C-alpha atoms as a PDB file:
ATOM      1  CA  MET A   1      88.438 108.590  93.941  1.00  0.00           C
ATOM      2  CA  SER A   2      90.839 110.558  96.124  1.00  0.00           C
ATOM      3  CA  VAL A   3      91.522 114.012  97.439  1.00  0.00           C
ATOM      4  CA  GLY A   4      94.648 115.952  98.425  1.00  0.00           C
ATOM      5  CA  VAL A   5      94.798 117.193 102.046  1.00  0.00           C
ATOM      6  CA  LYS A   6      97.381 118.449 104.494  1.00  0.00           C
ATOM      7  CA  ILE A   7      98.387 115.835 107.154  1.00  0.00           C
ATOM      8  CA  LYS A   8     101.209 116.877 109.528  1.00  0.00           C
ATOM      9  CA  GLY A   9     101.826 119.940 107.277  1.00  0.00           C
ATOM     10  CA  LYS A  10     102.440 117.752 104.175  1.00  0.00           C
ATOM     11  CA  GLU A  11     100.123 117.643 101.206  1.00  0.00           C
ATOM     12  CA  THR A  12      98.970 113.982 101.075  1.00  0.00           C
ATOM     13  CA  GLU A  13      96.659 112.206  98.607  1.00  0.00           C
ATOM     14  CA  ILE A  14      94.080 110.042 100.439  1.00  0.00           C
ATOM     15  CA  PRO A  15      91.165 107.871  99.226  1.00  0.00           C
ATOM     16  CA  LEU A  16      87.621 109.153  99.665  1.00  0.00           C
ATOM     17  CA  PHE A  17      86.133 105.606  99.714  1.00  0.00           C
ATOM     18  CA  VAL A  18      86.911 104.385 103.272  1.00  0.00           C
ATOM     19  CA  PRO A  19      85.224 101.717 105.508  1.00  0.00           C
ATOM     20  CA  THR A  20      83.394 104.236 107.614  1.00  0.00           C
ATOM     21  CA  LEU A  21      81.240 105.645 104.814  1.00  0.00           C
ATOM     22  CA  THR A  22      77.587 104.724 104.731  1.00  0.00           C
ATOM     23  CA  ARG A  23      76.026 103.233 101.735  1.00  0.00           C
ATOM     24  CA  GLY A  24      74.300 106.565 101.128  1.00  0.00           C
ATOM     25  CA  GLU A  25      77.608 108.397 101.199  1.00  0.00           C
ATOM     26  CA  ILE A  26      79.126 105.916  98.705  1.00  0.00           C
ATOM     27  CA  LYS A  27      76.087 106.424  96.401  1.00  0.00           C
ATOM     28  CA  TYR A  28      76.486 110.256  96.772  1.00  0.00           C
ATOM     29  CA  LEU A  29      80.062 110.031  95.755  1.00  0.00           C
ATOM     30  CA  LEU A  30      79.362 107.617  92.781  1.00  0.00           C
ATOM     31  CA  SER A  31      76.744 110.135  91.545  1.00  0.00           C
ATOM     32  CA  GLY A  32      79.561 112.400  90.632  1.00  0.00           C
ATOM     33  CA  LYS A  33      78.924 115.036  93.327  1.00  0.00           C
ATOM     34  CA  GLU A  34      81.656 116.817  95.253  1.00  0.00           C
ATOM     35  CA  PRO A  35      82.489 115.139  98.587  1.00  0.00           C
ATOM     36  CA  THR A  36      80.836 116.763 101.736  1.00  0.00           C
ATOM     37  CA  ASP A  37      82.864 117.967 104.626  1.00  0.00           C
ATOM     38  CA  LYS A  38      81.715 114.925 106.639  1.00  0.00           C
ATOM     39  CA  ILE A  39      83.032 112.521 103.982  1.00  0.00           C
ATOM     40  CA  ILE A  40      86.280 114.291 103.797  1.00  0.00           C
ATOM     41  CA  GLU A  41      86.521 114.244 107.648  1.00  0.00           C
ATOM     42  CA  LYS A  42      85.918 110.508 107.596  1.00  0.00           C
ATOM     43  CA  ALA A  43      88.627 110.044 104.927  1.00  0.00           C
ATOM     44  CA  ILE A  44      91.175 112.175 106.748  1.00  0.00           C
ATOM     45  CA  ARG A  45      90.465 110.290 110.066  1.00  0.00           C
ATOM     46  CA  HIS A  46      90.880 106.900 108.280  1.00  0.00           C
ATOM     47  CA  ALA A  47      94.087 108.012 106.482  1.00  0.00           C
ATOM     48  CA  LYS A  48      95.624 109.350 109.801  1.00  0.00           C
ATOM     49  CA  GLU A  49      94.939 106.058 111.515  1.00  0.00           C
ATOM     50  CA  ARG A  50      96.599 104.079 108.691  1.00  0.00           C
ATOM     51  CA  ILE A  51      99.558 106.338 108.599  1.00  0.00           C
ATOM     52  CA  ALA A  52     100.042 106.098 112.337  1.00  0.00           C
ATOM     53  CA  ARG A  53     100.215 102.315 111.850  1.00  0.00           C
ATOM     54  CA  GLY A  54     102.968 102.778 109.177  1.00  0.00           C
ATOM     55  CA  LYS A  55     100.582 101.934 106.348  1.00  0.00           C
ATOM     56  CA  SER A  56      99.687 103.750 103.147  1.00  0.00           C
ATOM     57  CA  PRO A  57      96.509 105.618 103.292  1.00  0.00           C
ATOM     58  CA  PHE A  58      95.312 103.483 100.395  1.00  0.00           C
ATOM     59  CA  ALA A  59      94.269  99.848 100.940  1.00  0.00           C
ATOM     60  CA  GLN A  60      96.774  97.397  99.664  1.00  0.00           C
ATOM     61  CA  GLN A  61      96.340  94.021  98.076  1.00  0.00           C
ATOM     62  CA  GLY A  62      94.044  91.877 100.267  1.00  0.00           C
ATOM     63  CA  GLU A  63      92.858  94.788 102.485  1.00  0.00           C
ATOM     64  CA  GLN A  64      89.821  95.671 100.524  1.00  0.00           C
ATOM     65  CA  GLY A  65      86.594  95.196 102.566  1.00  0.00           C
ATOM     66  CA  ARG A  66      82.950  94.836 101.855  1.00  0.00           C
ATOM     67  CA  LEU A  67      80.454  97.688 101.162  1.00  0.00           C
ATOM     68  CA  PRO A  68      78.523  98.815 104.244  1.00  0.00           C
ATOM     69  CA  THR A  69      75.136  97.259 104.804  1.00  0.00           C
ATOM     70  CA  GLU A  70      73.514 100.419 106.101  1.00  0.00           C
END
């Protein structure tokens, strides 16, 4: 699941499922509801951090993490 946002003035597709989401936020997205502003903010923050490190906003092979325990 992803969303298009402007990052540095450029339309960029970013993932909504990022490591900083809580289990509740993941369940919320999986229920088919529209992402909240807080979820989108977390996704943008995560994407910007990855882009700053020269990486794709999307996790690559071997970068996938575990679901949060919260």
